[in-house]
Amino acid sequence: MFTKKWAERIQLQGNKLQAAGAVREGAVRDRILLAASACFAERGIRPVSMVHICDAVGMSPSEIRLHFETKDDIVLALLERLQGMGLGDLPDLRPETVAAFVCERLRSWRATGASNAAFVLEAVAEGTRRARVAGATAEALALERHALVALLQARMRQACKALPEAEVRGRVFALQCFVEGVVLRVAREPDMDLDIVGESVRRFVAQAVPSFEPETPTLGVCA
């Protein structure tokens, strides 16, 4: 008899299989990105074809297209790991949170093999040459900026502080520029100690983001 208990067991097993499949898919995507970034670093982005990437990763074109339809999709995936480090995913703008987030993303980025200065510079340049890549990159950066502005405004409300809209956007823009500069510096100095990077990010955010402590602690409500 098909009971509720059995239905829950089937659902749980299905969830486990789905999660395992997502992990496997992520591992395959990382393999492809690692091989592609090595090809791009060695040959340059334009001369590399999907055939080169297939040979490097040891997969057929049909297998790779299950994860990336075109070379532009691969370039976009790598650019997502370069520009801004996905700051739109930050849970808050506390200096310690931002520093830990950036360092963790840099460790992951290094593991893809994309942390090559020549590749970084060319990938950013390709983001302006290829219309589809440029459009997607600009959209991603705009969404990231919007998310950061919302986080900064939320923190200012919590601290009972206010800043002009232009200054809020200016501080967010400065944060994005700073992190992109950190990415390039880490690419040019692959042995850079990430503890030093984290401390630098922490100090910068502490200056760019207003204090989180309310000036007058009255039940947490601004006057």
Protein backbone atom coordinates (compact mmCIF):
# COMPACT_ATOMS: atom_id res chain seq x y z
CA MET A 1 0.00 0.00 0.00
CA PHE A 2 1.40 3.40 -1.02
CA THR A 3 1.43 5.35 2.25
CA LYS A 4 2.46 8.86 3.13
CA LYS A 5 5.57 7.44 4.81
CA TRP A 6 6.64 5.72 1.59
CA ALA A 7 5.95 8.88 -0.38
CA GLU A 8 8.22 10.84 1.97
CA ARG A 9 10.96 8.23 1.59
CA ILE A 10 10.72 8.38 -2.20
CA GLN A 11 10.82 12.18 -2.10
CA LEU A 12 13.86 12.13 0.19
CA GLN A 13 15.66 9.66 -2.08
CA GLY A 14 14.82 11.81 -5.08
CA ASN A 15 16.21 14.89 -3.34
CA LYS A 16 19.44 13.03 -2.54
CA LEU A 17 19.84 11.87 -6.14
CA GLN A 18 19.15 15.39 -7.41
CA ALA A 19 21.76 16.85 -5.04
CA ALA A 20 24.33 14.21 -6.06
CA GLY A 21 23.64 14.97 -9.72
CA ALA A 22 24.17 18.69 -9.12
CA VAL A 23 27.53 17.98 -7.43
CA ARG A 24 28.63 15.80 -10.36
CA GLU A 25 27.53 18.43 -12.87
CA GLY A 26 29.44 21.10 -10.96
CA ALA A 27 32.57 18.93 -10.98
CA VAL A 28 32.29 18.39 -14.75
CA ARG A 29 31.79 22.13 -15.34
CA ASP A 30 34.89 22.85 -13.25
CA ARG A 31 36.90 20.34 -15.32
CA ILE A 32 35.83 22.04 -18.53
CA LEU A 33 36.60 25.51 -17.18
CA LEU A 34 40.00 24.38 -15.93
CA ALA A 35 40.91 22.93 -19.35
CA ALA A 36 39.52 25.97 -21.19
CA SER A 37 41.38 28.47 -19.01
CA ALA A 38 44.63 26.55 -19.61
CA CYS A 39 44.01 26.67 -23.37
CA PHE A 40 43.18 30.38 -23.25
CA ALA A 41 46.26 31.15 -21.16
CA GLU A 42 48.51 29.25 -23.58
CA ARG A 43 47.05 30.29 -26.96
CA GLY A 44 44.87 33.33 -26.31
CA ILE A 45 41.09 33.35 -26.33
CA ARG A 46 40.39 34.04 -30.02
CA PRO A 47 42.53 31.23 -31.52
CA VAL A 48 41.06 28.59 -29.21
CA SER A 49 38.13 26.62 -30.62
CA MET A 50 35.69 24.24 -28.98
CA VAL A 51 37.71 21.43 -30.60
CA HIS A 52 40.82 22.56 -28.69
CA ILE A 53 38.85 22.57 -25.44
CA CYS A 54 37.37 19.13 -26.18
CA ASP A 55 40.85 17.71 -26.77
CA ALA A 56 42.20 19.34 -23.60
CA VAL A 57 39.43 18.03 -21.33
CA GLY A 58 39.06 14.67 -23.07
CA MET A 59 35.37 15.02 -23.87
CA SER A 60 33.34 14.99 -27.07
CA PRO A 61 31.64 18.16 -28.38
CA SER A 62 28.22 16.70 -27.53
CA GLU A 63 29.34 16.06 -23.93
CA ILE A 64 30.65 19.60 -23.48
CA ARG A 65 27.49 21.09 -25.00
CA LEU A 66 25.48 19.54 -22.18
CA HIS A 67 27.17 22.15 -19.96
CA PHE A 68 28.31 24.94 -22.34
CA GLU A 69 26.62 25.44 -25.70
CA THR A 70 29.34 27.70 -27.17
CA LYS A 71 32.81 29.06 -26.45
CA ASP A 72 31.17 32.35 -25.45
CA ASP A 73 29.34 30.48 -22.68
CA ILE A 74 32.69 29.25 -21.36
CA VAL A 75 34.23 32.72 -21.55
CA LEU A 76 31.20 34.12 -19.71
CA ALA A 77 31.49 31.50 -16.97
CA LEU A 78 35.15 32.36 -16.46
CA LEU A 79 34.46 36.09 -16.52
CA GLU A 80 31.87 35.62 -13.78
CA ARG A 81 34.71 34.37 -11.58
CA LEU A 82 36.89 37.34 -12.46
CA GLN A 83 34.85 40.52 -12.38
CA GLY A 84 33.70 41.59 -8.95
CA MET A 85 33.95 38.02 -7.60
CA GLY A 86 30.17 37.87 -7.38
CA LEU A 87 29.81 40.50 -4.65
CA GLY A 88 26.06 40.53 -5.25
CA ASP A 89 25.92 37.25 -3.30
CA LEU A 90 27.19 38.89 -0.10
CA PRO A 91 24.85 38.45 2.89
CA ASP A 92 25.93 41.79 4.40
CA LEU A 93 28.65 44.45 4.17
CA ARG A 94 30.45 43.93 7.44
CA PRO A 95 34.22 44.23 6.81
CA GLU A 96 34.91 40.72 8.14
CA THR A 97 32.15 39.21 6.00
CA VAL A 98 33.36 40.88 2.80
CA ALA A 99 37.00 39.93 3.47
CA ALA A 100 36.14 36.27 4.13
CA PHE A 101 33.87 36.17 1.06
CA VAL A 102 36.51 37.61 -1.29
CA CYS A 103 39.26 35.30 0.00
CA GLU A 104 37.07 32.23 -0.36
CA ARG A 105 36.16 33.20 -3.92
CA LEU A 106 39.85 33.79 -4.71
CA ARG A 107 40.75 30.32 -3.42
CA SER A 108 38.05 28.81 -5.62
CA TRP A 109 39.18 30.94 -8.56
CA ARG A 110 42.78 29.83 -8.17
CA ALA A 111 41.60 26.23 -8.18
CA THR A 112 40.09 26.68 -11.67
CA GLY A 113 43.49 27.60 -13.11
CA ALA A 114 42.09 30.92 -14.31
CA SER A 115 44.41 32.97 -12.08
CA ASN A 116 46.79 33.79 -14.92
CA ALA A 117 47.52 37.48 -15.46
CA ALA A 118 47.64 37.25 -19.27
CA PHE A 119 44.34 35.38 -19.34
CA VAL A 120 42.70 37.83 -16.92
CA LEU A 121 43.63 40.84 -19.05
CA GLU A 122 42.57 39.18 -22.30
CA ALA A 123 39.33 37.90 -20.80
CA VAL A 124 38.37 41.39 -19.66
CA ALA A 125 39.26 42.73 -23.13
CA GLU A 126 37.15 40.02 -24.78
CA GLY A 127 34.28 41.18 -22.61
CA THR A 128 34.25 44.38 -24.66
CA ARG A 129 34.88 42.81 -28.10
CA ARG A 130 32.25 40.07 -28.12
CA ALA A 131 28.78 41.63 -28.14
CA ARG A 132 27.06 38.81 -26.26
CA VAL A 133 29.80 38.57 -23.65
CA ALA A 134 29.92 42.35 -23.23
CA GLY A 135 26.15 42.58 -22.75
CA ALA A 136 26.01 39.77 -20.21
CA THR A 137 29.00 41.16 -18.32
CA ALA A 138 27.53 44.67 -18.14
CA GLU A 139 24.20 43.26 -16.94
CA ALA A 140 25.90 41.15 -14.25
CA LEU A 141 27.89 44.13 -12.96
CA ALA A 142 24.77 46.32 -12.90
CA LEU A 143 22.84 43.69 -10.93
CA GLU A 144 25.77 43.32 -8.54
CA ARG A 145 25.89 47.09 -8.02
CA HIS A 146 22.15 47.22 -7.37
CA ALA A 147 22.47 44.46 -4.73
CA LEU A 148 25.39 46.23 -3.03
CA VAL A 149 23.53 49.55 -2.95
CA ALA A 150 20.60 47.81 -1.25
CA LEU A 151 22.95 46.23 1.33
CA LEU A 152 24.64 49.55 2.09
CA GLN A 153 21.31 51.34 2.45
CA ALA A 154 20.08 48.60 4.80
CA ARG A 155 23.19 48.94 6.96
CA MET A 156 22.82 52.72 7.14
CA ARG A 157 19.22 52.35 8.28
CA GLN A 158 20.36 49.90 10.95
CA ALA A 159 22.99 52.38 12.12
CA CYS A 160 20.59 55.35 11.97
CA LYS A 161 22.81 57.05 9.38
CA ALA A 162 22.10 58.69 6.05
CA LEU A 163 24.13 59.52 2.95
CA PRO A 164 23.15 61.16 -0.35
CA GLU A 165 22.19 58.66 -3.05
CA ALA A 166 25.16 59.71 -5.21
CA GLU A 167 27.59 59.03 -2.36
CA VAL A 168 26.07 55.60 -1.70
CA ARG A 169 26.54 54.67 -5.35
CA GLY A 170 30.03 56.13 -5.32
CA ARG A 171 31.06 54.01 -2.36
CA VAL A 172 29.64 50.88 -3.98
CA PHE A 173 31.46 51.70 -7.23
CA ALA A 174 34.70 52.15 -5.28
CA LEU A 175 34.18 48.76 -3.60
CA GLN A 176 33.69 47.05 -6.97
CA CYS A 177 36.79 48.76 -8.39
CA PHE A 178 38.85 47.82 -5.34
CA VAL A 179 37.91 44.15 -5.52
CA GLU A 180 38.57 44.00 -9.27
CA GLY A 181 42.00 45.53 -8.58
CA VAL A 182 42.62 42.88 -5.92
CA VAL A 183 41.74 40.15 -8.45
CA LEU A 184 44.24 41.49 -10.97
CA ARG A 185 46.95 41.89 -8.32
CA VAL A 186 46.46 38.32 -7.10
CA ALA A 187 46.65 37.14 -10.72
CA ARG A 188 49.96 38.98 -11.20
CA GLU A 189 51.30 37.72 -7.87
CA PRO A 190 50.07 34.10 -7.68
CA ASP A 191 51.94 33.50 -4.41
CA MET A 192 50.17 36.41 -2.68
CA ASP A 193 49.21 35.50 0.89
CA LEU A 194 45.41 35.61 1.05
CA ASP A 195 45.57 36.58 4.73
CA ILE A 196 47.15 39.85 3.59
CA VAL A 197 44.46 40.21 0.93
CA GLY A 198 41.74 39.62 3.51
CA GLU A 199 43.15 42.24 5.87
CA SER A 200 43.39 44.77 3.03
CA VAL A 201 39.78 44.15 2.01
CA ARG A 202 38.64 44.39 5.64
CA ARG A 203 40.37 47.76 6.10
CA PHE A 204 38.99 49.15 2.84
CA VAL A 205 35.41 48.12 3.61
CA ALA A 206 35.72 49.58 7.12
CA GLN A 207 36.50 52.93 5.48
CA ALA A 208 33.97 52.68 2.63
CA VAL A 209 30.99 51.51 4.70
CA PRO A 210 29.68 53.61 7.62
CA SER A 211 29.87 52.19 11.14
CA PHE A 212 27.13 49.68 11.91
CA GLU A 213 26.71 50.80 15.52
CA PRO A 214 23.80 53.18 16.18
CA GLU A 215 24.97 56.52 17.54
CA THR A 216 22.16 56.51 20.14
CA PRO A 217 21.22 53.00 21.28
CA THR A 218 17.53 53.60 22.01
CA LEU A 219 15.75 50.30 21.44
CA GLY A 220 17.34 50.12 17.99
CA VAL A 221 14.98 52.75 16.59
CA CYS A 222 16.19 55.88 14.80
CA ALA A 223 14.83 59.18 16.05
